[in-house]
Amino acid sequence: MRTLWLLCLLAMPALGQWQLKGQGRFEYLFWDIYDARYYTGPEAQALSLHYLRDIKGQDIVKQTAKEWRHLGLYRQPWLDWFAEYCPDVKKGDTLRLEVTRSESRFYLNGELLASNADPDFGPAFLAIWLSPKTRAPELRLALLGKED
């Protein structure tokens, strides 16, 4: 019992760091692809994608390039970096990006995959979902906690 109490106390600061801003599901045609959650924290933000199907990492990278081009944010060094670390995901996996002013960190199922010190990378990655020019405007509104 004492160990459980100690674990709860240790976890409390981490739980309080993030506030869920909004959530939604991304669907393509008739497939459910992932459930997304957007969090904000003190001088930080995070996007969590819980995958509902298996997707190859190379397909995630290709779609990221396509979205960055659409938004006018494409940079080859960013894509090369992302391609190096983007994993294949299985149904049930969660990819999470945490962005601060100084770096971005990618996690797979809670384990750190990589960090990027370019302060512009994280905001550009989040723009895929949060930009007013996103290709998924309904998901954007849901992530931002807004009504249609």
Protein backbone atom coordinates (compact mmCIF):
# COMPACT_ATOMS: atom_id res chain seq x y z
CA MET A 1 0.00 0.00 0.00
CA ARG A 2 2.82 2.39 0.88
CA THR A 3 4.47 1.73 -2.52
CA LEU A 4 1.22 2.48 -4.35
CA TRP A 5 0.84 5.77 -2.45
CA LEU A 6 4.41 6.76 -3.32
CA LEU A 7 3.87 5.94 -7.00
CA CYS A 8 0.71 8.07 -7.03
CA LEU A 9 2.58 11.01 -5.51
CA LEU A 10 5.40 10.69 -8.03
CA ALA A 11 2.97 10.57 -10.96
CA MET A 12 0.93 13.60 -9.93
CA PRO A 13 3.22 16.34 -11.34
CA ALA A 14 3.38 14.57 -14.71
CA LEU A 15 -0.39 14.20 -14.85
CA GLY A 16 -0.91 17.86 -14.03
CA GLN A 17 1.49 19.08 -16.70
CA TRP A 18 -0.88 18.59 -19.65
CA GLN A 19 -4.43 19.83 -20.21
CA LEU A 20 -6.51 18.10 -22.87
CA LYS A 21 -7.62 20.84 -25.26
CA GLY A 22 -9.59 18.64 -27.68
CA GLN A 23 -9.85 15.30 -29.42
CA GLY A 24 -11.22 13.76 -32.58
CA ARG A 25 -10.98 10.90 -35.04
CA PHE A 26 -9.29 11.03 -38.42
CA GLU A 27 -11.07 9.01 -41.07
CA TYR A 28 -10.15 8.48 -44.70
CA LEU A 29 -13.02 7.42 -46.94
CA PHE A 30 -14.58 4.64 -44.85
CA TRP A 31 -11.48 3.75 -42.77
CA ASP A 32 -10.84 4.93 -39.22
CA ILE A 33 -7.13 5.84 -39.16
CA TYR A 34 -6.40 7.26 -35.69
CA ASP A 35 -7.83 9.05 -32.69
CA ALA A 36 -6.05 12.34 -32.05
CA ARG A 37 -5.72 14.30 -28.81
CA TYR A 38 -4.24 17.77 -28.48
CA TYR A 39 -2.78 18.90 -25.16
CA THR A 40 -1.38 22.17 -23.90
CA GLY A 41 0.88 22.73 -20.95
CA PRO A 42 3.08 25.42 -19.49
CA GLU A 43 4.93 26.69 -22.58
CA ALA A 44 4.41 23.35 -24.35
CA GLN A 45 1.95 21.48 -26.51
CA ALA A 46 1.51 17.86 -27.51
CA LEU A 47 -0.34 15.82 -30.10
CA SER A 48 -1.09 12.16 -29.48
CA LEU A 49 -2.20 9.84 -32.29
CA HIS A 50 -3.66 6.47 -31.25
CA TYR A 51 -3.66 4.30 -34.38
CA LEU A 52 -6.68 2.21 -35.27
CA ARG A 53 -4.91 0.28 -38.05
CA ASP A 54 -1.40 -0.77 -39.10
CA ILE A 55 0.50 1.83 -41.14
CA LYS A 56 4.04 1.67 -42.50
CA GLY A 57 6.39 4.42 -41.36
CA GLN A 58 7.29 5.24 -44.96
CA ASP A 59 3.60 5.94 -45.67
CA ILE A 60 3.43 8.29 -42.68
CA VAL A 61 6.53 10.10 -43.97
CA LYS A 62 5.06 10.40 -47.50
CA GLN A 63 1.83 11.85 -46.12
CA THR A 64 3.77 14.26 -43.92
CA ALA A 65 5.66 15.53 -47.00
CA LYS A 66 2.39 15.92 -48.88
CA GLU A 67 0.82 17.91 -46.02
CA TRP A 68 3.87 20.15 -45.57
CA ARG A 69 3.85 20.93 -49.30
CA HIS A 70 0.15 21.77 -49.11
CA LEU A 71 0.84 24.13 -46.19
CA GLY A 72 3.95 25.67 -47.78
CA LEU A 73 6.12 24.35 -44.93
CA TYR A 74 8.10 21.63 -46.70
CA ARG A 75 11.80 21.37 -45.78
CA GLN A 76 13.83 18.40 -46.95
CA PRO A 77 16.06 18.25 -43.83
CA TRP A 78 12.94 17.94 -41.65
CA LEU A 79 11.58 15.15 -43.82
CA ASP A 80 14.94 13.33 -43.82
CA TRP A 81 15.08 13.55 -40.03
CA PHE A 82 11.50 12.34 -39.65
CA ALA A 83 12.07 9.46 -42.09
CA GLU A 84 15.01 8.28 -40.00
CA TYR A 85 12.89 7.95 -36.84
CA CYS A 86 9.31 7.34 -37.97
CA PRO A 87 8.35 3.77 -37.07
CA ASP A 88 5.83 1.41 -38.58
CA VAL A 89 2.77 1.56 -36.34
CA LYS A 90 0.42 -1.24 -35.45
CA LYS A 91 -3.21 -1.02 -34.44
CA GLY A 92 -3.20 0.14 -30.81
CA ASP A 93 0.12 2.02 -30.99
CA THR A 94 0.33 5.66 -29.92
CA LEU A 95 2.69 8.21 -31.46
CA ARG A 96 3.07 11.41 -29.47
CA LEU A 97 4.86 14.64 -30.30
CA GLU A 98 5.70 17.03 -27.47
CA VAL A 99 6.79 20.52 -28.50
CA THR A 100 8.53 23.16 -26.39
CA ARG A 101 10.28 26.34 -27.48
CA SER A 102 13.62 24.59 -27.67
CA GLU A 103 12.87 21.09 -28.97
CA SER A 104 10.38 18.50 -30.14
CA ARG A 105 10.25 14.93 -28.84
CA PHE A 106 8.61 11.92 -30.50
CA TYR A 107 7.41 8.98 -28.44
CA LEU A 108 6.05 5.58 -29.44
CA ASN A 109 3.90 4.00 -26.74
CA GLY A 110 5.54 6.23 -24.13
CA GLU A 111 9.15 5.48 -25.13
CA LEU A 112 11.29 8.27 -26.56
CA LEU A 113 12.10 7.71 -30.24
CA ALA A 114 14.00 10.92 -30.98
CA SER A 115 14.26 14.62 -30.29
CA ASN A 116 14.77 17.50 -32.70
CA ALA A 117 16.40 20.76 -31.58
CA ASP A 118 15.13 22.85 -34.51
CA PRO A 119 12.58 25.18 -32.85
CA ASP A 120 10.56 25.42 -36.10
CA PHE A 121 10.15 21.67 -36.64
CA GLY A 122 7.51 20.98 -33.97
CA PRO A 123 5.20 23.86 -34.87
CA ALA A 124 5.42 22.87 -38.55
CA PHE A 125 4.53 19.29 -37.68
CA LEU A 126 1.59 20.38 -35.54
CA ALA A 127 0.41 22.65 -38.35
CA ILE A 128 -0.61 19.54 -40.29
CA TRP A 129 -3.56 19.33 -37.88
CA LEU A 130 -3.80 22.81 -36.36
CA SER A 131 -3.26 25.21 -39.28
CA PRO A 132 -6.33 26.99 -40.65
CA LYS A 133 -5.19 25.55 -44.02
CA THR A 134 -5.28 21.91 -42.82
CA ARG A 135 -6.97 19.34 -45.06
CA ALA A 136 -8.91 18.13 -42.00
CA PRO A 137 -10.79 21.25 -40.81
CA GLU A 138 -13.35 19.34 -38.71
CA LEU A 139 -10.60 17.48 -36.86
CA ARG A 140 -8.77 20.79 -36.34
CA LEU A 141 -11.85 22.31 -34.68
CA ALA A 142 -12.27 19.24 -32.50
CA LEU A 143 -8.60 19.33 -31.43
CA LEU A 144 -8.86 23.01 -30.58
CA GLY A 145 -12.02 22.36 -28.58
CA LYS A 146 -14.19 24.50 -30.85
CA GLU A 147 -17.62 23.98 -32.35
CA ASP A 148 -18.26 24.03 -36.12
